[in-house]
Amino acid sequence: STSISLSWSPPPPPDQNGLIQYYSISVYEVDTGTRTQYNSTTNTTTIRSLHPYYTYRCSVSAYTIGEGPQNQPPVIIQTLQDVPTAAPQRVRGSAIDST
């Protein structure tokens, strides 16, 4: 509920324009507007420590001597649900007739 896995293919060889040094992964938390950048030297990564049941927009770009374009459109991923972190509140009860 707090991790996502991403994988991608590199740009076609004629479009790489050099040796790919790494990939930059942009993870945008839709609910809060927070953007976080990650780097990977492989074409797969796991992003951890996310919020349960939040929606994220993810984009990947390749780096040679600079950043290439990001994939379009971004991938939309929603983390899984998790157990509640608080108990129900203001619980009340009353006696009722047994018949």
Protein backbone atom coordinates (compact mmCIF):
# COMPACT_ATOMS: atom_id res chain seq x y z
CA SER A 1 0.00 0.00 0.00
CA THR A 2 3.02 2.33 0.21
CA SER A 3 5.13 1.19 -2.76
CA ILE A 4 4.85 1.21 -6.55
CA SER A 5 6.90 -0.55 -9.19
CA LEU A 6 7.78 1.06 -12.53
CA SER A 7 9.46 -0.39 -15.60
CA TRP A 8 10.18 1.05 -19.07
CA SER A 9 12.06 0.48 -22.29
CA PRO A 10 14.96 2.72 -23.31
CA PRO A 11 14.51 5.12 -26.23
CA PRO A 12 15.19 3.52 -29.64
CA PRO A 13 18.96 3.51 -30.39
CA PRO A 14 18.76 6.23 -33.10
CA ASP A 15 17.07 8.54 -30.54
CA GLN A 16 19.46 7.93 -27.62
CA ASN A 17 22.09 10.37 -28.95
CA GLY A 18 24.80 8.88 -26.75
CA LEU A 19 25.29 6.53 -23.83
CA ILE A 20 22.40 6.65 -21.36
CA GLN A 21 23.91 7.39 -17.94
CA TYR A 22 20.72 6.99 -15.93
CA TYR A 23 16.98 7.52 -15.91
CA SER A 24 15.19 10.23 -13.96
CA ILE A 25 11.83 9.28 -12.47
CA SER A 26 9.42 12.06 -11.51
CA VAL A 27 6.70 11.08 -9.02
CA TYR A 28 3.96 13.69 -8.55
CA GLU A 29 1.54 13.18 -5.65
CA VAL A 30 -1.77 14.39 -7.07
CA ASP A 31 -3.48 14.83 -3.68
CA THR A 32 -0.84 17.19 -2.25
CA GLY A 33 1.01 18.55 -5.29
CA THR A 34 4.34 17.19 -4.02
CA ARG A 35 6.89 16.20 -6.68
CA THR A 36 9.87 13.93 -5.92
CA GLN A 37 12.71 12.94 -8.27
CA TYR A 38 14.47 9.57 -8.22
CA ASN A 39 17.32 8.19 -10.35
CA SER A 40 17.86 4.66 -11.65
CA THR A 41 20.64 3.12 -13.72
CA THR A 42 18.34 0.26 -14.75
CA ASN A 43 14.97 0.28 -16.54
CA THR A 44 12.98 -0.70 -13.47
CA THR A 45 12.56 0.74 -10.00
CA THR A 46 10.47 0.47 -6.87
CA ILE A 47 9.39 3.68 -5.16
CA ARG A 48 8.76 3.21 -1.44
CA SER A 49 7.44 5.23 1.50
CA LEU A 50 4.40 6.55 -0.37
CA HIS A 51 0.97 7.21 1.14
CA PRO A 52 -1.70 4.48 1.07
CA TYR A 53 -4.57 5.03 -1.37
CA TYR A 54 -3.04 8.15 -2.98
CA THR A 55 -2.83 8.85 -6.70
CA TYR A 56 0.58 9.44 -8.31
CA ARG A 57 1.60 10.64 -11.79
CA CYS A 58 4.91 9.12 -12.87
CA SER A 59 7.18 10.12 -15.75
CA VAL A 60 10.57 8.82 -16.84
CA SER A 61 13.29 10.54 -18.89
CA ALA A 62 16.72 9.33 -20.01
CA TYR A 63 19.98 11.23 -19.34
CA THR A 64 23.08 11.25 -21.53
CA ILE A 65 24.81 14.64 -21.19
CA GLY A 66 21.43 16.16 -20.35
CA GLU A 67 17.81 15.24 -19.78
CA GLY A 68 15.72 13.96 -22.66
CA PRO A 69 11.93 14.27 -22.94
CA GLN A 70 9.63 12.57 -20.44
CA ASN A 71 7.24 9.83 -21.47
CA GLN A 72 3.83 11.20 -22.44
CA PRO A 73 1.27 10.87 -21.08
CA PRO A 74 2.49 10.20 -17.52
CA VAL A 75 1.54 6.88 -15.93
CA ILE A 76 -1.22 7.25 -13.31
CA ILE A 77 -0.91 4.86 -10.36
CA GLN A 78 -2.96 4.63 -7.18
CA THR A 79 -1.36 2.93 -4.20
CA LEU A 80 -3.37 0.20 -2.52
CA GLN A 81 -5.61 0.72 0.48
CA ASP A 82 -4.32 0.03 3.97
CA VAL A 83 -5.90 -0.54 7.38
CA PRO A 84 -7.33 2.54 9.14
CA THR A 85 -4.86 4.39 11.35
CA ALA A 86 -7.50 5.52 13.86
CA ALA A 87 -10.44 3.94 15.65
CA PRO A 88 -14.07 5.02 15.15
CA GLN A 89 -15.01 8.01 17.31
CA ARG A 90 -18.01 9.06 19.37
CA VAL A 91 -19.40 5.51 19.59
CA ARG A 92 -22.67 5.44 21.55
CA GLY A 93 -24.93 2.72 22.76
CA SER A 94 -28.28 2.31 24.40
CA ALA A 95 -30.37 -0.50 25.80
CA ILE A 96 -33.20 -1.78 23.64
CA ASP A 97 -36.26 -3.88 24.37
CA SER A 98 -35.56 -7.60 24.10
CA THR A 99 -38.91 -8.37 22.41
